[in-house]
């Protein structure tokens, strides 16, 4: 099968826009893990091991490794900012990374990523954006 320029352009276009559409689905993703004490505790343990060095003990984005980063790590105590973020958007940032934060897609399983989200919500005492 020969690819004509118009067909080739169409397929290249699909390759370029498909990641944009797949990322959008993250924002709609709902946290399947209830934010109960067990989940928050598990999330805290995971956060201490994987996130605290950049985001800081109190989630203010002031961890020792985060001091050298530009942009600075997210401040999870910022109530206004956290209220605007859906759990799906947080899940996307943890899963795929958000420069300079690395992706945790292959380091943490999905359930652990949701536990971390339940824990980081406690810093600002916020519910996810609807």
C-alpha atoms as a PDB file:
ATOM      1  CA  UNK A   1       0.000   0.000   0.000  1.00  0.00           C
ATOM      2  CA  UNK A   2       1.503   3.300  -1.039  1.00  0.00           C
ATOM      3  CA  UNK A   3       1.058   6.246   1.266  1.00  0.00           C
ATOM      4  CA  UNK A   4       0.144   9.382  -0.592  1.00  0.00           C
ATOM      5  CA  UNK A   5       1.174  12.730   0.901  1.00  0.00           C
ATOM      6  CA  UNK A   6      -2.377  13.488   2.076  1.00  0.00           C
ATOM      7  CA  UNK A   7      -2.710  10.095   3.801  1.00  0.00           C
ATOM      8  CA  UNK A   8       0.744  10.444   5.334  1.00  0.00           C
ATOM      9  CA  UNK A   9      -0.153  13.891   6.687  1.00  0.00           C
ATOM     10  CA  UNK A  10      -3.370  12.477   8.146  1.00  0.00           C
ATOM     11  CA  UNK A  11      -1.540   9.687  10.000  1.00  0.00           C
ATOM     12  CA  UNK A  12       1.151  12.045  11.284  1.00  0.00           C
ATOM     13  CA  UNK A  13      -1.618  14.367  12.479  1.00  0.00           C
ATOM     14  CA  UNK A  14      -3.222  11.524  14.398  1.00  0.00           C
ATOM     15  CA  UNK A  15       0.077  10.709  16.059  1.00  0.00           C
ATOM     16  CA  UNK A  16       0.530  14.331  17.108  1.00  0.00           C
ATOM     17  CA  UNK A  17      -2.954  14.954  18.504  1.00  0.00           C
ATOM     18  CA  UNK A  18      -3.691  11.573  20.082  1.00  0.00           C
ATOM     19  CA  UNK A  19      -1.462  12.188  23.133  1.00  0.00           C
ATOM     20  CA  UNK A  20      -3.287  15.474  23.736  1.00  0.00           C
ATOM     21  CA  UNK A  21      -6.618  13.671  23.825  1.00  0.00           C
ATOM     22  CA  UNK A  22      -5.328  10.884  26.038  1.00  0.00           C
ATOM     23  CA  UNK A  23      -3.919  13.395  28.544  1.00  0.00           C
ATOM     24  CA  UNK A  24      -7.285  15.138  28.710  1.00  0.00           C
ATOM     25  CA  UNK A  25      -8.911  11.971  29.974  1.00  0.00           C
ATOM     26  CA  UNK A  26      -6.769  12.126  33.114  1.00  0.00           C
ATOM     27  CA  UNK A  27      -8.533  15.271  34.348  1.00  0.00           C
ATOM     28  CA  UNK A  28     -11.858  13.407  34.339  1.00  0.00           C
ATOM     29  CA  UNK A  29     -10.434  10.398  36.168  1.00  0.00           C
ATOM     30  CA  UNK A  30     -12.028   9.870  39.575  1.00  0.00           C
ATOM     31  CA  UNK A  31     -10.144   8.611  42.594  1.00  0.00           C
ATOM     32  CA  UNK A  32     -11.414   5.063  43.207  1.00  0.00           C
ATOM     33  CA  UNK A  33      -9.858   4.954  46.696  1.00  0.00           C
ATOM     34  CA  UNK A  34     -11.871   6.398  49.578  1.00  0.00           C
ATOM     35  CA  UNK A  35      -9.875   9.022  51.490  1.00  0.00           C
ATOM     36  CA  UNK A  36     -10.146   7.182  54.801  1.00  0.00           C
ATOM     37  CA  UNK A  37      -7.499   6.983  57.529  1.00  0.00           C
ATOM     38  CA  UNK A  38      -5.999   3.759  56.121  1.00  0.00           C
ATOM     39  CA  UNK A  39      -5.528   5.277  52.658  1.00  0.00           C
ATOM     40  CA  UNK A  40      -4.132   8.553  54.023  1.00  0.00           C
ATOM     41  CA  UNK A  41      -1.684   6.618  56.201  1.00  0.00           C
ATOM     42  CA  UNK A  42      -0.519   4.508  53.248  1.00  0.00           C
ATOM     43  CA  UNK A  43      -0.189   7.676  51.171  1.00  0.00           C
ATOM     44  CA  UNK A  44       1.893   9.320  53.889  1.00  0.00           C
ATOM     45  CA  UNK A  45       4.329   6.395  53.930  1.00  0.00           C
ATOM     46  CA  UNK A  46       4.677   6.488  50.142  1.00  0.00           C
ATOM     47  CA  UNK A  47       5.022  10.303  50.167  1.00  0.00           C
ATOM     48  CA  UNK A  48       7.825  10.185  52.753  1.00  0.00           C
ATOM     49  CA  UNK A  49       9.774   7.705  50.649  1.00  0.00           C
ATOM     50  CA  UNK A  50       9.191   9.184  47.171  1.00  0.00           C
ATOM     51  CA  UNK A  51       8.038  12.796  47.402  1.00  0.00           C
ATOM     52  CA  UNK A  52       9.152  14.449  50.637  1.00  0.00           C
ATOM     53  CA  UNK A  53      12.714  15.101  49.474  1.00  0.00           C
ATOM     54  CA  UNK A  54      11.342  17.625  46.955  1.00  0.00           C
ATOM     55  CA  UNK A  55       7.936  18.659  48.304  1.00  0.00           C
ATOM     56  CA  UNK A  56       9.055  18.865  51.934  1.00  0.00           C
ATOM     57  CA  UNK A  57       7.798  17.276  55.131  1.00  0.00           C
ATOM     58  CA  UNK A  58       4.789  19.603  55.307  1.00  0.00           C
ATOM     59  CA  UNK A  59       4.141  19.626  51.533  1.00  0.00           C
ATOM     60  CA  UNK A  60       5.204  23.238  51.044  1.00  0.00           C
ATOM     61  CA  UNK A  61       7.520  22.516  48.102  1.00  0.00           C
ATOM     62  CA  UNK A  62      10.541  23.271  50.269  1.00  0.00           C
ATOM     63  CA  UNK A  63      12.279  19.904  50.506  1.00  0.00           C
ATOM     64  CA  UNK A  64      16.085  19.801  50.315  1.00  0.00           C
ATOM     65  CA  UNK A  65      16.151  18.357  46.785  1.00  0.00           C
ATOM     66  CA  UNK A  66      13.487  20.815  45.622  1.00  0.00           C
ATOM     67  CA  UNK A  67      15.588  23.843  46.542  1.00  0.00           C
ATOM     68  CA  UNK A  68      17.642  23.461  43.368  1.00  0.00           C
ATOM     69  CA  UNK A  69      14.660  22.957  41.044  1.00  0.00           C
ATOM     70  CA  UNK A  70      13.185  25.440  38.641  1.00  0.00           C
ATOM     71  CA  UNK A  71      10.262  25.587  38.715  1.00  0.00           C
ATOM     72  CA  UNK A  72       9.943  24.806  42.406  1.00  0.00           C
ATOM     73  CA  UNK A  73       7.946  21.729  43.479  1.00  0.00           C
ATOM     74  CA  UNK A  74       4.221  22.182  44.043  1.00  0.00           C
ATOM     75  CA  UNK A  75       3.107  23.646  47.356  1.00  0.00           C
ATOM     76  CA  UNK A  76       0.322  21.346  48.538  1.00  0.00           C
ATOM     77  CA  UNK A  77      -0.588  23.720  51.385  1.00  0.00           C
ATOM     78  CA  UNK A  78      -1.856  26.308  48.872  1.00  0.00           C
ATOM     79  CA  UNK A  79      -5.581  25.833  49.479  1.00  0.00           C
ATOM     80  CA  UNK A  80      -6.656  27.931  46.491  1.00  0.00           C
ATOM     81  CA  UNK A  81      -4.393  26.056  44.091  1.00  0.00           C
ATOM     82  CA  UNK A  82      -5.296  22.642  45.460  1.00  0.00           C
ATOM     83  CA  UNK A  83      -9.032  23.357  45.234  1.00  0.00           C
ATOM     84  CA  UNK A  84      -8.620  23.994  41.494  1.00  0.00           C
ATOM     85  CA  UNK A  85      -6.898  20.661  40.847  1.00  0.00           C
ATOM     86  CA  UNK A  86      -8.936  17.543  40.170  1.00  0.00           C
ATOM     87  CA  UNK A  87      -7.709  14.237  41.526  1.00  0.00           C
ATOM     88  CA  UNK A  88      -7.294  13.205  37.894  1.00  0.00           C
ATOM     89  CA  UNK A  89      -4.955  16.131  37.218  1.00  0.00           C
ATOM     90  CA  UNK A  90      -2.871  15.218  40.261  1.00  0.00           C
ATOM     91  CA  UNK A  91      -2.875  11.601  39.099  1.00  0.00           C
ATOM     92  CA  UNK A  92      -1.609  12.711  35.681  1.00  0.00           C
ATOM     93  CA  UNK A  93       1.206  14.781  37.203  1.00  0.00           C
ATOM     94  CA  UNK A  94       2.320  11.866  39.377  1.00  0.00           C
ATOM     95  CA  UNK A  95       1.922   9.302  36.596  1.00  0.00           C
ATOM     96  CA  UNK A  96       3.499  11.168  33.680  1.00  0.00           C
ATOM     97  CA  UNK A  97       5.603  13.703  35.563  1.00  0.00           C
ATOM     98  CA  UNK A  98       5.548  17.458  35.206  1.00  0.00           C
ATOM     99  CA  UNK A  99       8.901  19.113  34.563  1.00  0.00           C
ATOM    100  CA  UNK A 100      11.081  18.938  36.572  1.00  0.00           C
ATOM    101  CA  UNK A 101       9.193  16.207  38.467  1.00  0.00           C
ATOM    102  CA  UNK A 102       9.827  12.726  37.071  1.00  0.00           C
ATOM    103  CA  UNK A 103       7.104  10.266  36.112  1.00  0.00           C
ATOM    104  CA  UNK A 104       6.133   7.674  38.709  1.00  0.00           C
ATOM    105  CA  UNK A 105       4.133   5.523  36.296  1.00  0.00           C
ATOM    106  CA  UNK A 106       6.614   2.651  36.571  1.00  0.00           C
ATOM    107  CA  UNK A 107       7.723   3.255  40.156  1.00  0.00           C
ATOM    108  CA  UNK A 108       4.344   3.382  41.922  1.00  0.00           C
ATOM    109  CA  UNK A 109       1.334   1.266  41.049  1.00  0.00           C
ATOM    110  CA  UNK A 110      -2.004   3.010  40.419  1.00  0.00           C
ATOM    111  CA  UNK A 111      -3.388   2.278  43.871  1.00  0.00           C
ATOM    112  CA  UNK A 112      -0.310   3.774  45.551  1.00  0.00           C
ATOM    113  CA  UNK A 113      -0.613   6.919  43.409  1.00  0.00           C
ATOM    114  CA  UNK A 114      -4.232   7.354  44.548  1.00  0.00           C
ATOM    115  CA  UNK A 115      -3.186   6.885  48.196  1.00  0.00           C
ATOM    116  CA  UNK A 116      -0.578   9.642  47.729  1.00  0.00           C
ATOM    117  CA  UNK A 117      -3.277  11.948  46.348  1.00  0.00           C
ATOM    118  CA  UNK A 118      -5.486  11.259  49.373  1.00  0.00           C
ATOM    119  CA  UNK A 119      -2.543  12.128  51.616  1.00  0.00           C
ATOM    120  CA  UNK A 120      -1.438  15.318  49.846  1.00  0.00           C
ATOM    121  CA  UNK A 121      -5.021  16.627  50.009  1.00  0.00           C
ATOM    122  CA  UNK A 122      -4.616  16.698  53.808  1.00  0.00           C
ATOM    123  CA  UNK A 123      -1.955  19.435  53.600  1.00  0.00           C
ATOM    124  CA  UNK A 124      -4.503  22.044  52.477  1.00  0.00           C
ATOM    125  CA  UNK A 125      -7.612  20.280  53.760  1.00  0.00           C
ATOM    126  CA  UNK A 126      -9.211  20.432  50.314  1.00  0.00           C
ATOM    127  CA  UNK A 127     -11.589  18.371  48.280  1.00  0.00           C
ATOM    128  CA  UNK A 128     -10.833  17.890  44.587  1.00  0.00           C
ATOM    129  CA  UNK A 129     -12.226  20.294  41.997  1.00  0.00           C
ATOM    130  CA  UNK A 130     -15.409  19.046  40.367  1.00  0.00           C
END
